[in-house]
PDB file of N, CA and C in Angstrom:
ATOM      1  N   MET A   1      11.593   9.484  -1.288  1.00  0.00           N
ATOM      2  CA  MET A   1      10.229   9.272  -2.009  1.00  0.00           C
ATOM      3  C   MET A   1       9.629   8.162  -1.215  1.00  0.00           C
ATOM      4  N   GLU A   2       8.182   8.485  -1.569  1.00  0.00           N
ATOM      5  CA  GLU A   2       7.247   7.449  -0.828  1.00  0.00           C
ATOM      6  C   GLU A   2       7.879   6.028  -1.260  1.00  0.00           C
ATOM      7  N   ASP A   3       7.576   4.973  -0.491  1.00  0.00           N
ATOM      8  CA  ASP A   3       7.572   3.760  -0.760  1.00  0.00           C
ATOM      9  C   ASP A   3       6.646   3.058  -1.997  1.00  0.00           C
ATOM     10  N   THR A   4       7.194   1.596  -2.642  1.00  0.00           N
ATOM     11  CA  THR A   4       6.125   1.321  -3.179  1.00  0.00           C
ATOM     12  C   THR A   4       4.618   1.071  -2.394  1.00  0.00           C
ATOM     13  N   LEU A   5       3.007   1.104  -3.091  1.00  0.00           N
ATOM     14  CA  LEU A   5       2.341   1.231  -2.451  1.00  0.00           C
ATOM     15  C   LEU A   5       1.359   0.391  -3.617  1.00  0.00           C
ATOM     16  N   TYR A   6       0.948  -0.979  -2.659  1.00  0.00           N
ATOM     17  CA  TYR A   6       0.191  -1.993  -3.246  1.00  0.00           C
ATOM     18  C   TYR A   6      -1.693  -1.737  -2.149  1.00  0.00           C
ATOM     19  N   VAL A   7      -2.509  -1.509  -2.858  1.00  0.00           N
ATOM     20  CA  VAL A   7      -4.048  -1.367  -2.814  1.00  0.00           C
ATOM     21  C   VAL A   7      -4.636  -2.422  -3.093  1.00  0.00           C
ATOM     22  N   ALA A   8      -5.231  -3.142  -2.295  1.00  0.00           N
ATOM     23  CA  ALA A   8      -5.941  -4.209  -2.772  1.00  0.00           C
ATOM     24  C   ALA A   8      -7.888  -4.130  -2.765  1.00  0.00           C
ATOM     25  N   GLU A   9      -7.965  -4.162  -4.205  1.00  0.00           N
ATOM     26  CA  GLU A   9      -9.841  -4.586  -4.617  1.00  0.00           C
ATOM     27  C   GLU A   9     -10.503  -5.471  -4.327  1.00  0.00           C
ATOM     28  N   THR A  10     -11.337  -5.901  -3.550  1.00  0.00           N
ATOM     29  CA  THR A  10     -12.124  -6.860  -3.235  1.00  0.00           C
ATOM     30  C   THR A  10     -13.831  -6.562  -3.928  1.00  0.00           C
ATOM     31  N   ASP A  11     -14.152  -8.175  -4.104  1.00  0.00           N
ATOM     32  CA  ASP A  11     -15.362  -8.136  -4.395  1.00  0.00           C
ATOM     33  C   ASP A  11     -16.090  -7.868  -3.695  1.00  0.00           C
ATOM     34  N   GLU A  12     -17.505  -8.498  -3.963  1.00  0.00           N
ATOM     35  CA  GLU A  12     -18.640  -8.075  -3.029  1.00  0.00           C
ATOM     36  C   GLU A  12     -18.517  -8.674  -1.954  1.00  0.00           C
ATOM     37  N   PHE A  13     -18.047 -10.119  -2.563  1.00  0.00           N
ATOM     38  CA  PHE A  13     -17.982 -11.398  -1.271  1.00  0.00           C
ATOM     39  C   PHE A  13     -16.452 -10.828  -0.012  1.00  0.00           C
ATOM     40  N   GLY A  14     -16.049  -9.676  -0.561  1.00  0.00           N
ATOM     41  CA  GLY A  14     -14.875  -9.169   0.551  1.00  0.00           C
ATOM     42  C   GLY A  14     -13.422 -10.152   0.348  1.00  0.00           C
ATOM     43  N   GLU A  15     -13.719 -11.068  -0.690  1.00  0.00           N
ATOM     44  CA  GLU A  15     -12.430 -11.660  -1.446  1.00  0.00           C
ATOM     45  C   GLU A  15     -11.879 -10.685  -2.370  1.00  0.00           C
ATOM     46  N   LEU A  16     -10.545 -10.947  -2.529  1.00  0.00           N
ATOM     47  CA  LEU A  16      -9.224  -9.887  -3.018  1.00  0.00           C
ATOM     48  C   LEU A  16      -9.527 -10.668  -4.363  1.00  0.00           C
ATOM     49  N   ALA A  17     -10.120  -9.789  -5.036  1.00  0.00           N
ATOM     50  CA  ALA A  17      -9.977  -9.716  -6.513  1.00  0.00           C
ATOM     51  C   ALA A  17      -9.238  -8.709  -7.496  1.00  0.00           C
ATOM     52  N   CYS A  18      -8.417  -8.211  -7.231  1.00  0.00           N
ATOM     53  CA  CYS A  18      -7.053  -7.723  -7.667  1.00  0.00           C
ATOM     54  C   CYS A  18      -6.260  -6.415  -6.581  1.00  0.00           C
ATOM     55  N   VAL A  19      -5.029  -6.456  -7.376  1.00  0.00           N
ATOM     56  CA  VAL A  19      -3.895  -5.482  -6.832  1.00  0.00           C
ATOM     57  C   VAL A  19      -4.030  -4.311  -7.406  1.00  0.00           C
ATOM     58  N   TRP A  20      -4.222  -3.059  -6.869  1.00  0.00           N
ATOM     59  CA  TRP A  20      -3.415  -1.651  -7.883  1.00  0.00           C
ATOM     60  C   TRP A  20      -1.764  -1.678  -6.977  1.00  0.00           C
ATOM     61  N   VAL A  21      -0.933  -0.964  -7.992  1.00  0.00           N
ATOM     62  CA  VAL A  21       0.291  -0.795  -7.366  1.00  0.00           C
ATOM     63  C   VAL A  21       0.923   0.696  -7.963  1.00  0.00           C
ATOM     64  N   ARG A  22       1.427   1.242  -7.231  1.00  0.00           N
ATOM     65  CA  ARG A  22       2.098   2.925  -7.654  1.00  0.00           C
ATOM     66  C   ARG A  22       3.267   2.219  -7.043  1.00  0.00           C
ATOM     67  N   PRO A  23       4.402   2.117  -8.381  1.00  0.00           N
ATOM     68  CA  PRO A  23       5.657   2.005  -7.773  1.00  0.00           C
ATOM     69  C   PRO A  23       6.398   3.576  -7.250  1.00  0.00           C
ATOM     70  N   LYS A  24       7.278   3.204  -6.406  1.00  0.00           N
ATOM     71  CA  LYS A  24       7.682   4.303  -5.557  1.00  0.00           C
ATOM     72  C   LYS A  24       8.470   5.186  -6.788  1.00  0.00           C
ATOM     73  N   GLY A  25       8.023   6.613  -6.395  1.00  0.00           N
ATOM     74  CA  GLY A  25       8.414   7.372  -7.647  1.00  0.00           C
ATOM     75  C   GLY A  25       7.222   7.727  -8.607  1.00  0.00           C
ATOM     76  N   ALA A  26       6.538   7.029  -9.053  1.00  0.00           N
ATOM     77  CA  ALA A  26       5.193   6.990  -9.475  1.00  0.00           C
ATOM     78  C   ALA A  26       3.887   7.518  -9.354  1.00  0.00           C
ATOM     79  N   LYS A  27       3.272   8.884 -10.358  1.00  0.00           N
ATOM     80  CA  LYS A  27       2.089   9.455  -9.646  1.00  0.00           C
ATOM     81  C   LYS A  27       0.837   8.959  -9.686  1.00  0.00           C
ATOM     82  N   SER A  28       0.726   8.300 -10.345  1.00  0.00           N
ATOM     83  CA  SER A  28      -0.627   6.968 -10.248  1.00  0.00           C
ATOM     84  C   SER A  28      -0.326   5.659  -9.745  1.00  0.00           C
ATOM     85  N   ALA A  29      -1.607   5.088  -9.770  1.00  0.00           N
ATOM     86  CA  ALA A  29      -1.189   3.848  -9.623  1.00  0.00           C
ATOM     87  C   ALA A  29      -1.871   2.881 -10.641  1.00  0.00           C
ATOM     88  N   ARG A  30      -1.858   1.437 -11.102  1.00  0.00           N
ATOM     89  CA  ARG A  30      -2.221   0.260 -11.395  1.00  0.00           C
ATOM     90  C   ARG A  30      -2.780  -0.261 -11.386  1.00  0.00           C
ATOM     91  N   VAL A  31      -3.107  -1.390 -12.430  1.00  0.00           N
ATOM     92  CA  VAL A  31      -3.716  -2.838 -11.919  1.00  0.00           C
ATOM     93  C   VAL A  31      -2.167  -3.549 -11.932  1.00  0.00           C
ATOM     94  N   PHE A  32      -1.753  -4.384 -11.253  1.00  0.00           N
ATOM     95  CA  PHE A  32      -0.624  -5.206 -10.901  1.00  0.00           C
ATOM     96  C   PHE A  32      -0.762  -6.026 -12.322  1.00  0.00           C
ATOM     97  N   ASN A  33       0.839  -6.145 -12.345  1.00  0.00           N
ATOM     98  CA  ASN A  33      -0.025  -6.810 -14.076  1.00  0.00           C
ATOM     99  C   ASN A  33       1.470  -7.428 -14.057  1.00  0.00           C
ATOM    100  N   PRO A  34       1.327  -8.699 -13.892  1.00  0.00           N
ATOM    101  CA  PRO A  34       2.673  -9.701 -13.110  1.00  0.00           C
ATOM    102  C   PRO A  34       3.787 -10.049 -14.570  1.00  0.00           C
ATOM    103  N   SER A  35       3.312  -9.563 -15.859  1.00  0.00           N
ATOM    104  CA  SER A  35       4.103  -9.504 -16.603  1.00  0.00           C
ATOM    105  C   SER A  35       5.062  -8.551 -17.132  1.00  0.00           C
ATOM    106  N   LYS A  36       4.686  -7.471 -16.653  1.00  0.00           N
ATOM    107  CA  LYS A  36       5.516  -6.169 -16.204  1.00  0.00           C
ATOM    108  C   LYS A  36       5.830  -5.994 -14.973  1.00  0.00           C
ATOM    109  N   ASP A  37       5.124  -6.605 -13.739  1.00  0.00           N
ATOM    110  CA  ASP A  37       5.190  -5.926 -12.202  1.00  0.00           C
ATOM    111  C   ASP A  37       5.603  -7.349 -11.633  1.00  0.00           C
ATOM    112  N   SER A  38       6.651  -6.797 -10.562  1.00  0.00           N
ATOM    113  CA  SER A  38       7.056  -7.548  -9.471  1.00  0.00           C
ATOM    114  C   SER A  38       7.030  -7.671  -8.328  1.00  0.00           C
ATOM    115  N   TYR A  39       6.736  -8.440  -7.525  1.00  0.00           N
ATOM    116  CA  TYR A  39       6.475  -8.244  -5.666  1.00  0.00           C
ATOM    117  C   TYR A  39       8.453  -8.167  -5.237  1.00  0.00           C
ATOM    118  N   ASP A  40       8.820  -7.805  -4.901  1.00  0.00           N
ATOM    119  CA  ASP A  40      10.094  -7.830  -4.385  1.00  0.00           C
ATOM    120  C   ASP A  40      10.308  -7.562  -2.969  1.00  0.00           C
ATOM    121  N   PRO A  41      10.337  -8.964  -1.956  1.00  0.00           N
ATOM    122  CA  PRO A  41       9.773  -8.452  -0.276  1.00  0.00           C
ATOM    123  C   PRO A  41      11.266  -8.123   0.140  1.00  0.00           C
ATOM    124  N   GLN A  42      12.444  -7.855  -0.361  1.00  0.00           N
ATOM    125  CA  GLN A  42      13.239  -6.848  -0.012  1.00  0.00           C
ATOM    126  C   GLN A  42      13.140  -5.412   0.494  1.00  0.00           C
ATOM    127  N   LYS A  43      11.937  -5.097  -0.568  1.00  0.00           N
ATOM    128  CA  LYS A  43      11.903  -3.716  -1.100  1.00  0.00           C
ATOM    129  C   LYS A  43      10.867  -3.123  -0.070  1.00  0.00           C
ATOM    130  N   ALA A  44      11.370  -2.149   0.726  1.00  0.00           N
ATOM    131  CA  ALA A  44      10.139  -0.838   1.262  1.00  0.00           C
ATOM    132  C   ALA A  44       8.889  -1.347   0.582  1.00  0.00           C
ATOM    133  N   ALA A  45       7.374  -1.478   1.005  1.00  0.00           N
ATOM    134  CA  ALA A  45       6.109  -1.268   0.348  1.00  0.00           C
ATOM    135  C   ALA A  45       5.218  -0.808   1.680  1.00  0.00           C
ATOM    136  N   ASN A  46       4.516  -0.322   1.026  1.00  0.00           N
ATOM    137  CA  ASN A  46       3.105  -0.169   1.741  1.00  0.00           C
ATOM    138  C   ASN A  46       1.523  -0.599   1.231  1.00  0.00           C
ATOM    139  N   PHE A  47       1.113  -1.176   2.599  1.00  0.00           N
ATOM    140  CA  PHE A  47      -0.185  -1.872   2.097  1.00  0.00           C
ATOM    141  C   PHE A  47      -1.529  -1.133   2.519  1.00  0.00           C
ATOM    142  N   SER A  48      -2.588  -1.245   1.443  1.00  0.00           N
ATOM    143  CA  SER A  48      -3.724  -0.809   2.122  1.00  0.00           C
ATOM    144  C   SER A  48      -4.877  -1.716   1.095  1.00  0.00           C
ATOM    145  N   GLY A  49      -6.014  -1.665   2.391  1.00  0.00           N
ATOM    146  CA  GLY A  49      -7.397  -2.400   1.828  1.00  0.00           C
ATOM    147  C   GLY A  49      -7.742  -3.940   1.912  1.00  0.00           C
ATOM    148  N   SER A  50      -6.380  -4.222   2.240  1.00  0.00           N
ATOM    149  CA  SER A  50      -6.323  -5.607   2.885  1.00  0.00           C
ATOM    150  C   SER A  50      -5.229  -5.882   4.251  1.00  0.00           C
ATOM    151  N   ALA A  51      -4.896  -6.799   4.885  1.00  0.00           N
ATOM    152  CA  ALA A  51      -3.824  -7.212   5.755  1.00  0.00           C
ATOM    153  C   ALA A  51      -2.654  -7.275   4.544  1.00  0.00           C
ATOM    154  N   ALA A  52      -1.635  -6.846   4.827  1.00  0.00           N
ATOM    155  CA  ALA A  52      -0.300  -7.253   4.344  1.00  0.00           C
ATOM    156  C   ALA A  52      -0.207  -8.614   3.732  1.00  0.00           C
ATOM    157  N   ALA A  53      -0.298  -9.712   4.941  1.00  0.00           N
ATOM    158  CA  ALA A  53      -0.336 -10.718   4.099  1.00  0.00           C
ATOM    159  C   ALA A  53      -0.643 -11.497   3.111  1.00  0.00           C
ATOM    160  N   ASN A  54      -2.105 -10.886   3.165  1.00  0.00           N
ATOM    161  CA  ASN A  54      -3.274 -11.278   1.881  1.00  0.00           C
ATOM    162  C   ASN A  54      -2.950 -10.622   0.799  1.00  0.00           C
ATOM    163  N   ILE A  55      -2.389  -9.484   0.607  1.00  0.00           N
ATOM    164  CA  ILE A  55      -1.986  -8.942  -0.963  1.00  0.00           C
ATOM    165  C   ILE A  55      -0.624  -9.247  -0.896  1.00  0.00           C
ATOM    166  N   ILE A  56       0.251  -9.679   0.097  1.00  0.00           N
ATOM    167  CA  ILE A  56       1.458 -10.194  -0.650  1.00  0.00           C
ATOM    168  C   ILE A  56       1.341 -11.862  -1.120  1.00  0.00           C
ATOM    169  N   GLY A  57       0.349 -12.759  -0.835  1.00  0.00           N
ATOM    170  CA  GLY A  57      -0.143 -13.908  -0.787  1.00  0.00           C
ATOM    171  C   GLY A  57      -0.488 -13.880  -2.219  1.00  0.00           C
ATOM    172  N   TRP A  58      -1.123 -12.763  -2.791  1.00  0.00           N
ATOM    173  CA  TRP A  58      -2.074 -12.770  -4.273  1.00  0.00           C
ATOM    174  C   TRP A  58      -1.086 -12.656  -5.364  1.00  0.00           C
ATOM    175  N   LEU A  59      -0.289 -11.630  -4.474  1.00  0.00           N
ATOM    176  CA  LEU A  59       0.749 -10.914  -5.903  1.00  0.00           C
ATOM    177  C   LEU A  59       2.031 -12.239  -6.466  1.00  0.00           C
ATOM    178  N   LYS A  60       2.310 -13.055  -4.785  1.00  0.00           N
ATOM    179  CA  LYS A  60       3.176 -14.260  -5.176  1.00  0.00           C
ATOM    180  C   LYS A  60       2.373 -15.110  -5.779  1.00  0.00           C
ATOM    181  N   ALA A  61       1.003 -15.594  -5.958  1.00  0.00           N
ATOM    182  CA  ALA A  61       0.399 -16.324  -6.826  1.00  0.00           C
ATOM    183  C   ALA A  61      -0.322 -15.791  -8.262  1.00  0.00           C
ATOM    184  N   GLN A  62      -0.284 -14.560  -8.598  1.00  0.00           N
ATOM    185  CA  GLN A  62      -0.332 -14.148  -9.758  1.00  0.00           C
ATOM    186  C   GLN A  62       1.124 -13.775 -10.668  1.00  0.00           C
ATOM    187  N   SER A  63       2.114 -14.174  -9.820  1.00  0.00           N
ATOM    188  CA  SER A  63       3.573 -14.158 -10.283  1.00  0.00           C
ATOM    189  C   SER A  63       4.064 -15.593 -10.227  1.00  0.00           C
ATOM    190  N   GLU A  64       3.709 -16.642 -10.199  1.00  0.00           N
ATOM    191  CA  GLU A  64       3.757 -17.681 -10.588  1.00  0.00           C
ATOM    192  C   GLU A  64       3.577 -18.522 -12.057  1.00  0.00           C
TER     193      GLU A  64
END
C-alpha cells in the first residue's frame, strides 16, 4: 500500500493556500480538515507541490 500523500495547493502568489490529503489506502484525496485529519510525523508520507517542510509547517499550524 502507498503511504499517505499530502499535496500543496498554492495561490496566485505561490503561497501555500491549502493541503490535500490522500490517506494511506484511500482512492482519492480531499482537502485537509484539522477536525477530521491529523499529521503524524512518525508515519511515512509523501509530499508534492511544495517542499515537505512547508507542507508540514502548514499542517501543524492548522492543527493547533
